[in-house]
Each structure stands twice: as C-alpha cells, then as structure tokens.
Amino acid sequence: MIKASKVVFISEDLEKSFNQLPEDDFLRKSIIHAIKNLRENAFYGVHVPKRLIPREYIQKWGIKNLWKYDLPKGWRLMYTITADNEVDLISAILEWFDHKEYERRMKY
C-alpha cells in the first residue's frame, strides 16, 4: 500500500540535531533521501512488531507503531506513523543511530 505522508521530527531538539549535520555529511544526505521516500510512501520502511517496540519509546512518546528505515553504512532511522484528523498520515522521525546502537536499543 502506498500512502503519502507529511514528515516531521518528533521534537525540536531532534530537528536541531539534524540541522546541525554538515551539508556534505553522508548521514544528512541519507536522512534527506529517507524523508523524500517517506513523503511518497509512509510505509516505505520495515514494520517492527509491537512486542519489539522499546518501552522507552512508548513511555516517552506514547507510540503505538514503529517502523525502521535502513540508511547506508548500517545506520537506522526509526519512525512512527500517525494520522492528522484521521485523514492525512504523518511520519514522525524518532531518532537515528548506527547499527551498534540500534542493536542495543532494540535489545538484539
């Protein structure tokens, strides 16, 4: 299913972290590419089963679903999908991290 979405950062601090990445940084370019793909299709990433959603995400943001977007060089971008007025989808970026931190966060 392809559903367009608005893409936002879950917090101003996260958006600030993104904006502080150097223009030529591979991670910044990768996140920009991910945002473009998520705008076209909110379901672009891989759905994470509910039982694997980190408790921290639920407590901190009250999320009910979690998606993983694979970035280059083993980096991961985590996001959740919500609805605005139950019509428009919003992909909210929660965080990004390297593979080692991803495994730690997801308890693999």
C-alpha atoms as a PDB file:
ATOM      1  CA  MET A   1       0.000   0.000   0.000  1.00  0.00           C
ATOM      2  CA  ILE A   2       1.424   3.396  -0.968  1.00  0.00           C
ATOM      3  CA  LYS A   3       0.261   6.326   1.141  1.00  0.00           C
ATOM      4  CA  ALA A   4       1.864   9.764   1.015  1.00  0.00           C
ATOM      5  CA  SER A   5       2.670  11.406   4.328  1.00  0.00           C
ATOM      6  CA  LYS A   6       3.904  14.576   5.903  1.00  0.00           C
ATOM      7  CA  VAL A   7       7.293  14.018   7.598  1.00  0.00           C
ATOM      8  CA  VAL A   8       8.157  15.682  10.906  1.00  0.00           C
ATOM      9  CA  PHE A   9      10.737  15.287  13.642  1.00  0.00           C
ATOM     10  CA  ILE A  10       9.343  14.107  16.970  1.00  0.00           C
ATOM     11  CA  SER A  11      10.985  17.044  18.789  1.00  0.00           C
ATOM     12  CA  GLU A  12      12.619  20.383  18.180  1.00  0.00           C
ATOM     13  CA  ASP A  13      15.860  19.002  19.653  1.00  0.00           C
ATOM     14  CA  LEU A  14      15.941  16.198  17.102  1.00  0.00           C
ATOM     15  CA  GLU A  15      15.281  18.628  14.268  1.00  0.00           C
ATOM     16  CA  LYS A  16      18.056  20.849  15.600  1.00  0.00           C
ATOM     17  CA  SER A  17      20.441  17.848  15.651  1.00  0.00           C
ATOM     18  CA  PHE A  18      19.569  17.141  12.035  1.00  0.00           C
ATOM     19  CA  ASN A  19      20.076  20.775  11.016  1.00  0.00           C
ATOM     20  CA  GLN A  20      23.494  20.788  12.688  1.00  0.00           C
ATOM     21  CA  LEU A  21      24.754  17.961  10.496  1.00  0.00           C
ATOM     22  CA  PRO A  22      27.180  19.292   7.856  1.00  0.00           C
ATOM     23  CA  GLU A  23      25.654  19.778   4.400  1.00  0.00           C
ATOM     24  CA  ASP A  24      28.034  17.251   2.822  1.00  0.00           C
ATOM     25  CA  ASP A  25      27.656  14.617   5.565  1.00  0.00           C
ATOM     26  CA  PHE A  26      26.526  11.222   4.249  1.00  0.00           C
ATOM     27  CA  LEU A  27      24.124  10.866   7.188  1.00  0.00           C
ATOM     28  CA  ARG A  28      22.403  14.184   6.449  1.00  0.00           C
ATOM     29  CA  LYS A  29      22.085  13.264   2.769  1.00  0.00           C
ATOM     30  CA  SER A  30      20.749   9.833   3.723  1.00  0.00           C
ATOM     31  CA  ILE A  31      18.131  11.293   6.060  1.00  0.00           C
ATOM     32  CA  ILE A  32      17.045  13.777   3.385  1.00  0.00           C
ATOM     33  CA  HIS A  33      16.636  10.855   0.978  1.00  0.00           C
ATOM     34  CA  ALA A  34      14.648   8.936   3.618  1.00  0.00           C
ATOM     35  CA  ILE A  35      12.377  11.939   4.191  1.00  0.00           C
ATOM     36  CA  LYS A  36      11.732  12.155   0.459  1.00  0.00           C
ATOM     37  CA  ASN A  37      10.807   8.464   0.322  1.00  0.00           C
ATOM     38  CA  LEU A  38       8.577   8.709   3.401  1.00  0.00           C
ATOM     39  CA  ARG A  39       6.747  11.686   1.902  1.00  0.00           C
ATOM     40  CA  GLU A  40       5.904   9.472  -1.067  1.00  0.00           C
ATOM     41  CA  ASN A  41       5.098   6.381   0.991  1.00  0.00           C
ATOM     42  CA  ALA A  42       4.741   6.344   4.789  1.00  0.00           C
ATOM     43  CA  PHE A  43       5.081   2.546   4.726  1.00  0.00           C
ATOM     44  CA  TYR A  44       8.459   2.587   2.960  1.00  0.00           C
ATOM     45  CA  GLY A  45      10.324   1.155   5.955  1.00  0.00           C
ATOM     46  CA  VAL A  46      10.096  -2.170   7.750  1.00  0.00           C
ATOM     47  CA  HIS A  47       7.335  -2.552  10.332  1.00  0.00           C
ATOM     48  CA  VAL A  48       8.614  -3.508  13.794  1.00  0.00           C
ATOM     49  CA  PRO A  49       6.302  -5.917  15.679  1.00  0.00           C
ATOM     50  CA  LYS A  50       4.577  -4.326  18.697  1.00  0.00           C
ATOM     51  CA  ARG A  51       6.258  -6.719  21.121  1.00  0.00           C
ATOM     52  CA  LEU A  52       9.664  -5.391  19.993  1.00  0.00           C
ATOM     53  CA  ILE A  53       8.890  -1.680  20.419  1.00  0.00           C
ATOM     54  CA  PRO A  54      11.281  -0.369  23.084  1.00  0.00           C
ATOM     55  CA  ARG A  55       9.433   0.514  26.286  1.00  0.00           C
ATOM     56  CA  GLU A  56      11.291   3.851  26.251  1.00  0.00           C
ATOM     57  CA  TYR A  57       9.517   4.835  23.005  1.00  0.00           C
ATOM     58  CA  ILE A  58       6.117   4.015  24.458  1.00  0.00           C
ATOM     59  CA  GLN A  59       6.782   5.868  27.721  1.00  0.00           C
ATOM     60  CA  LYS A  60       8.445   8.894  26.144  1.00  0.00           C
ATOM     61  CA  TRP A  61       6.204   9.411  23.110  1.00  0.00           C
ATOM     62  CA  GLY A  62       3.232   7.080  23.570  1.00  0.00           C
ATOM     63  CA  ILE A  63       3.780   5.485  20.172  1.00  0.00           C
ATOM     64  CA  LYS A  64       1.609   2.608  19.023  1.00  0.00           C
ATOM     65  CA  ASN A  65       3.637   1.525  15.987  1.00  0.00           C
ATOM     66  CA  LEU A  66       7.271   1.587  14.984  1.00  0.00           C
ATOM     67  CA  TRP A  67       8.984   1.494  11.615  1.00  0.00           C
ATOM     68  CA  LYS A  68      12.647   1.101  10.695  1.00  0.00           C
ATOM     69  CA  TYR A  69      14.217   2.715   7.654  1.00  0.00           C
ATOM     70  CA  ASP A  70      17.628   1.323   6.685  1.00  0.00           C
ATOM     71  CA  LEU A  71      20.163   4.043   5.918  1.00  0.00           C
ATOM     72  CA  PRO A  72      23.575   3.458   4.280  1.00  0.00           C
ATOM     73  CA  LYS A  73      26.598   2.195   6.240  1.00  0.00           C
ATOM     74  CA  GLY A  74      24.467   0.303   8.766  1.00  0.00           C
ATOM     75  CA  TRP A  75      22.628   3.347  10.125  1.00  0.00           C
ATOM     76  CA  ARG A  76      18.939   3.121  11.029  1.00  0.00           C
ATOM     77  CA  LEU A  77      16.184   5.724  11.190  1.00  0.00           C
ATOM     78  CA  MET A  78      13.251   4.932  13.452  1.00  0.00           C
ATOM     79  CA  TYR A  79       9.835   6.485  12.889  1.00  0.00           C
ATOM     80  CA  THR A  80       6.199   6.109  13.781  1.00  0.00           C
ATOM     81  CA  ILE A  81       3.114   6.760  11.684  1.00  0.00           C
ATOM     82  CA  THR A  82       0.199   8.773  13.000  1.00  0.00           C
ATOM     83  CA  ALA A  83      -2.813  10.438  11.441  1.00  0.00           C
ATOM     84  CA  ASP A  84      -3.765  14.085  11.360  1.00  0.00           C
ATOM     85  CA  ASN A  85      -7.561  14.400  11.584  1.00  0.00           C
ATOM     86  CA  GLU A  86      -7.581  10.677  10.730  1.00  0.00           C
ATOM     87  CA  VAL A  87      -7.114  11.592   7.071  1.00  0.00           C
ATOM     88  CA  ASP A  88      -3.528  12.683   6.426  1.00  0.00           C
ATOM     89  CA  LEU A  89      -0.668  10.451   7.511  1.00  0.00           C
ATOM     90  CA  ILE A  90       2.313  11.824   9.400  1.00  0.00           C
ATOM     91  CA  SER A  91       5.645  10.018   9.606  1.00  0.00           C
ATOM     92  CA  ALA A  92       7.330  11.217  12.794  1.00  0.00           C
ATOM     93  CA  ILE A  93      11.083  10.594  12.940  1.00  0.00           C
ATOM     94  CA  LEU A  94      12.063   9.429  16.423  1.00  0.00           C
ATOM     95  CA  GLU A  95      15.820   9.041  16.085  1.00  0.00           C
ATOM     96  CA  TRP A  96      18.656   7.636  14.017  1.00  0.00           C
ATOM     97  CA  PHE A  97      21.703   5.693  15.070  1.00  0.00           C
ATOM     98  CA  ASP A  98      24.412   3.350  13.885  1.00  0.00           C
ATOM     99  CA  HIS A  99      23.961  -0.411  13.801  1.00  0.00           C
ATOM    100  CA  LYS A 100      25.622  -0.998  17.178  1.00  0.00           C
ATOM    101  CA  GLU A 101      23.330   1.491  18.940  1.00  0.00           C
ATOM    102  CA  TYR A 102      20.353   0.072  17.020  1.00  0.00           C
ATOM    103  CA  GLU A 103      21.080  -3.408  18.380  1.00  0.00           C
ATOM    104  CA  ARG A 104      21.457  -2.000  21.890  1.00  0.00           C
ATOM    105  CA  ARG A 105      18.187  -0.029  21.710  1.00  0.00           C
ATOM    106  CA  MET A 106      16.225  -2.912  20.197  1.00  0.00           C
ATOM    107  CA  LYS A 107      17.855  -5.440  22.570  1.00  0.00           C
ATOM    108  CA  TYR A 108      19.170  -7.716  19.808  1.00  0.00           C
END
